[in-house]
């Protein structure tokens, strides 16, 4: 199993990482942000990719409900 690199000093200072992605919204793209509890960007990105179907559904549901803040759909990993 691949071992993740240790968090950089900057990542430690920033705290839990977030990853951004986009989903199609008609003819436009909607920016989404997933806030995770992971200490590195690599771990957060891996979580996003390995759980993409569920995260995409959550983002689409939030978009349909009008939960857009500052032009972004914000999701929080609990």
N, C-alpha and C. Protein backbone atom coordinates (compact mmCIF):
# COMPACT_ATOMS: atom_id res chain seq x y z
N UNK A 1 0.84 -1.17 0.00
CA UNK A 1 0.00 0.00 0.00
C UNK A 1 0.89 1.24 0.00
N UNK A 2 0.49 2.22 -0.76
CA UNK A 2 1.27 3.45 -0.87
C UNK A 2 1.14 4.28 0.40
N UNK A 3 2.28 4.76 0.87
CA UNK A 3 2.29 5.61 2.06
C UNK A 3 2.28 7.07 1.62
N UNK A 4 1.45 7.85 2.25
CA UNK A 4 1.36 9.26 1.92
C UNK A 4 2.53 10.02 2.52
N UNK A 5 2.96 11.07 1.85
CA UNK A 5 4.04 11.89 2.42
C UNK A 5 3.55 12.60 3.68
N UNK A 6 4.48 12.92 4.53
CA UNK A 6 4.15 13.67 5.74
C UNK A 6 3.64 15.06 5.34
N UNK A 7 2.74 15.63 6.12
CA UNK A 7 2.27 16.99 5.81
C UNK A 7 3.42 17.98 5.84
N UNK A 8 3.37 18.93 4.92
CA UNK A 8 4.38 19.99 4.92
C UNK A 8 4.10 20.94 6.08
N UNK A 9 5.06 21.78 6.37
CA UNK A 9 4.87 22.75 7.45
C UNK A 9 3.68 23.67 7.14
N UNK A 10 3.55 24.03 5.89
CA UNK A 10 2.43 24.89 5.48
C UNK A 10 1.09 24.18 5.69
N UNK A 11 1.02 22.89 5.31
CA UNK A 11 -0.22 22.14 5.49
C UNK A 11 -0.57 22.00 6.97
N UNK A 12 0.44 21.82 7.81
CA UNK A 12 0.20 21.73 9.25
C UNK A 12 -0.38 23.04 9.76
N UNK A 13 0.15 24.16 9.30
CA UNK A 13 -0.35 25.46 9.72
C UNK A 13 -1.75 25.72 9.20
N UNK A 14 -2.04 25.28 7.97
CA UNK A 14 -3.36 25.50 7.38
C UNK A 14 -4.43 24.65 8.04
N UNK A 15 -4.04 23.48 8.55
CA UNK A 15 -5.00 22.58 9.17
C UNK A 15 -5.64 21.68 8.11
N UNK A 16 -6.84 21.19 8.38
CA UNK A 16 -7.50 20.28 7.44
C UNK A 16 -7.59 20.89 6.04
N UNK A 17 -7.39 20.05 5.04
CA UNK A 17 -7.31 20.51 3.66
C UNK A 17 -8.67 20.46 2.96
N UNK A 18 -8.79 21.27 1.93
CA UNK A 18 -9.98 21.24 1.08
C UNK A 18 -9.55 21.04 -0.36
N UNK A 19 -10.45 20.45 -1.14
CA UNK A 19 -10.19 20.24 -2.56
C UNK A 19 -11.34 20.85 -3.34
N UNK A 20 -11.02 21.40 -4.48
CA UNK A 20 -12.02 22.00 -5.36
C UNK A 20 -12.25 21.10 -6.57
N UNK A 21 -13.47 21.13 -7.07
CA UNK A 21 -13.81 20.39 -8.28
C UNK A 21 -14.99 21.10 -8.94
N UNK A 22 -15.30 20.70 -10.15
CA UNK A 22 -16.42 21.30 -10.87
C UNK A 22 -17.36 20.21 -11.34
N UNK A 23 -18.65 20.58 -11.40
CA UNK A 23 -19.65 19.70 -11.99
C UNK A 23 -20.38 20.48 -13.07
N UNK A 24 -20.92 19.74 -14.03
CA UNK A 24 -21.70 20.39 -15.10
C UNK A 24 -23.03 20.83 -14.52
N UNK A 25 -23.45 22.03 -14.92
CA UNK A 25 -24.73 22.58 -14.50
C UNK A 25 -25.36 23.18 -15.75
N UNK A 26 -26.06 22.33 -16.50
CA UNK A 26 -26.59 22.78 -17.79
C UNK A 26 -25.42 23.00 -18.73
N UNK A 27 -25.35 24.21 -19.31
CA UNK A 27 -24.25 24.55 -20.21
C UNK A 27 -23.08 25.20 -19.48
N UNK A 28 -23.18 25.30 -18.17
CA UNK A 28 -22.12 25.95 -17.38
C UNK A 28 -21.45 24.94 -16.46
N UNK A 29 -20.41 25.39 -15.79
CA UNK A 29 -19.71 24.58 -14.80
C UNK A 29 -19.92 25.23 -13.43
N UNK A 30 -20.15 24.39 -12.43
CA UNK A 30 -20.33 24.88 -11.07
C UNK A 30 -19.13 24.46 -10.22
N UNK A 31 -18.49 25.43 -9.59
CA UNK A 31 -17.36 25.14 -8.72
C UNK A 31 -17.86 24.64 -7.37
N UNK A 32 -17.22 23.59 -6.88
CA UNK A 32 -17.56 23.00 -5.60
C UNK A 32 -16.29 22.86 -4.77
N UNK A 33 -16.44 22.92 -3.45
CA UNK A 33 -15.32 22.78 -2.54
C UNK A 33 -15.69 21.73 -1.49
N UNK A 34 -14.81 20.77 -1.30
CA UNK A 34 -15.00 19.73 -0.28
C UNK A 34 -13.99 19.96 0.83
N UNK A 35 -14.49 20.29 2.03
CA UNK A 35 -13.63 20.47 3.20
C UNK A 35 -13.46 19.11 3.86
N UNK A 36 -12.22 18.67 4.03
CA UNK A 36 -11.95 17.36 4.62
C UNK A 36 -11.25 17.52 5.96
N UNK A 37 -11.04 16.40 6.63
CA UNK A 37 -10.29 16.38 7.88
C UNK A 37 -8.87 15.90 7.64
N UNK A 38 -8.50 15.65 6.39
CA UNK A 38 -7.18 15.12 6.07
C UNK A 38 -6.12 16.20 6.14
N UNK A 39 -4.90 15.83 6.61
CA UNK A 39 -3.85 16.84 6.78
C UNK A 39 -3.09 17.20 5.50
N UNK A 40 -3.20 16.38 4.44
CA UNK A 40 -2.46 16.71 3.21
C UNK A 40 -3.43 16.79 2.02
N UNK A 41 -3.00 17.57 1.03
CA UNK A 41 -3.80 17.70 -0.19
C UNK A 41 -3.92 16.36 -0.90
N UNK A 42 -2.85 15.56 -0.89
CA UNK A 42 -2.87 14.26 -1.56
C UNK A 42 -3.92 13.34 -0.95
N UNK A 43 -4.03 13.33 0.36
CA UNK A 43 -5.04 12.50 1.01
C UNK A 43 -6.44 13.00 0.72
N UNK A 44 -6.62 14.30 0.73
CA UNK A 44 -7.94 14.87 0.43
C UNK A 44 -8.35 14.56 -1.00
N UNK A 45 -7.40 14.69 -1.94
CA UNK A 45 -7.68 14.40 -3.34
C UNK A 45 -8.02 12.92 -3.54
N UNK A 46 -7.28 12.04 -2.87
CA UNK A 46 -7.56 10.61 -2.98
C UNK A 46 -8.95 10.29 -2.45
N UNK A 47 -9.34 10.92 -1.35
CA UNK A 47 -10.68 10.71 -0.80
C UNK A 47 -11.73 11.15 -1.81
N UNK A 48 -11.53 12.32 -2.41
CA UNK A 48 -12.47 12.82 -3.41
C UNK A 48 -12.63 11.82 -4.56
N UNK A 49 -11.52 11.36 -5.11
CA UNK A 49 -11.57 10.46 -6.26
C UNK A 49 -12.14 9.09 -5.90
N UNK A 50 -11.83 8.58 -4.73
CA UNK A 50 -12.33 7.24 -4.37
C UNK A 50 -13.80 7.26 -3.96
N UNK A 51 -14.33 8.43 -3.64
CA UNK A 51 -15.74 8.54 -3.24
C UNK A 51 -16.52 9.44 -4.19
N UNK A 52 -16.04 9.56 -5.43
CA UNK A 52 -16.63 10.50 -6.38
C UNK A 52 -18.13 10.36 -6.57
N UNK A 53 -18.70 9.16 -6.78
CA UNK A 53 -20.15 9.10 -7.02
C UNK A 53 -20.98 9.70 -5.89
N UNK A 54 -20.63 9.41 -4.66
CA UNK A 54 -21.38 9.94 -3.52
C UNK A 54 -21.17 11.45 -3.38
N UNK A 55 -19.95 11.92 -3.58
CA UNK A 55 -19.66 13.35 -3.45
C UNK A 55 -20.33 14.14 -4.56
N UNK A 56 -20.31 13.60 -5.77
CA UNK A 56 -20.99 14.28 -6.88
C UNK A 56 -22.48 14.39 -6.61
N UNK A 57 -23.09 13.33 -6.08
CA UNK A 57 -24.52 13.35 -5.76
C UNK A 57 -24.81 14.40 -4.68
N UNK A 58 -23.96 14.46 -3.66
CA UNK A 58 -24.13 15.47 -2.61
C UNK A 58 -24.05 16.88 -3.19
N UNK A 59 -23.10 17.09 -4.09
CA UNK A 59 -22.94 18.42 -4.71
C UNK A 59 -24.15 18.77 -5.57
N UNK A 60 -24.64 17.82 -6.34
CA UNK A 60 -25.82 18.07 -7.18
C UNK A 60 -27.05 18.34 -6.33
N UNK A 61 -27.21 17.58 -5.24
CA UNK A 61 -28.34 17.81 -4.33
C UNK A 61 -28.26 19.20 -3.70
N UNK A 62 -27.07 19.60 -3.28
CA UNK A 62 -26.89 20.93 -2.69
C UNK A 62 -27.17 22.02 -3.71
N UNK A 63 -26.73 21.81 -4.94
CA UNK A 63 -26.97 22.79 -6.00
C UNK A 63 -28.46 22.91 -6.28
N UNK A 64 -29.16 21.78 -6.33
CA UNK A 64 -30.61 21.80 -6.57
C UNK A 64 -31.35 22.49 -5.43
N UNK A 65 -30.82 22.37 -4.22
CA UNK A 65 -31.45 23.01 -3.06
C UNK A 65 -31.09 24.49 -2.94
N UNK A 66 -30.21 24.97 -3.82
CA UNK A 66 -29.81 26.37 -3.80
C UNK A 66 -28.77 26.71 -2.75
N UNK A 67 -28.03 25.73 -2.31
CA UNK A 67 -27.00 25.94 -1.28
C UNK A 67 -25.69 26.39 -1.91
N UNK A 68 -25.72 27.54 -2.55
CA UNK A 68 -24.52 28.10 -3.20
C UNK A 68 -24.10 29.31 -2.39
N UNK A 69 -22.84 29.30 -1.91
CA UNK A 69 -22.30 30.41 -1.12
C UNK A 69 -21.14 31.02 -1.86
N UNK A 70 -21.24 32.27 -2.20
CA UNK A 70 -20.14 32.95 -2.89
C UNK A 70 -19.82 32.33 -4.23
N UNK A 71 -20.83 31.78 -4.91
CA UNK A 71 -20.63 31.16 -6.21
C UNK A 71 -20.10 29.74 -6.15
N UNK A 72 -20.00 29.17 -4.94
CA UNK A 72 -19.49 27.81 -4.78
C UNK A 72 -20.45 26.97 -3.97
N UNK A 73 -20.49 25.69 -4.31
CA UNK A 73 -21.18 24.72 -3.48
C UNK A 73 -20.15 24.22 -2.48
N UNK A 74 -20.44 24.37 -1.18
CA UNK A 74 -19.46 23.97 -0.16
C UNK A 74 -19.97 22.72 0.55
N UNK A 75 -19.13 21.69 0.53
CA UNK A 75 -19.45 20.43 1.20
C UNK A 75 -18.44 20.22 2.31
N UNK A 76 -18.89 19.65 3.42
CA UNK A 76 -18.01 19.42 4.57
C UNK A 76 -18.03 17.94 4.90
N UNK A 77 -16.87 17.33 4.95
CA UNK A 77 -16.72 15.94 5.34
C UNK A 77 -16.80 15.88 6.85
N UNK A 78 -17.74 15.10 7.35
CA UNK A 78 -17.88 15.02 8.82
C UNK A 78 -17.31 13.75 9.38
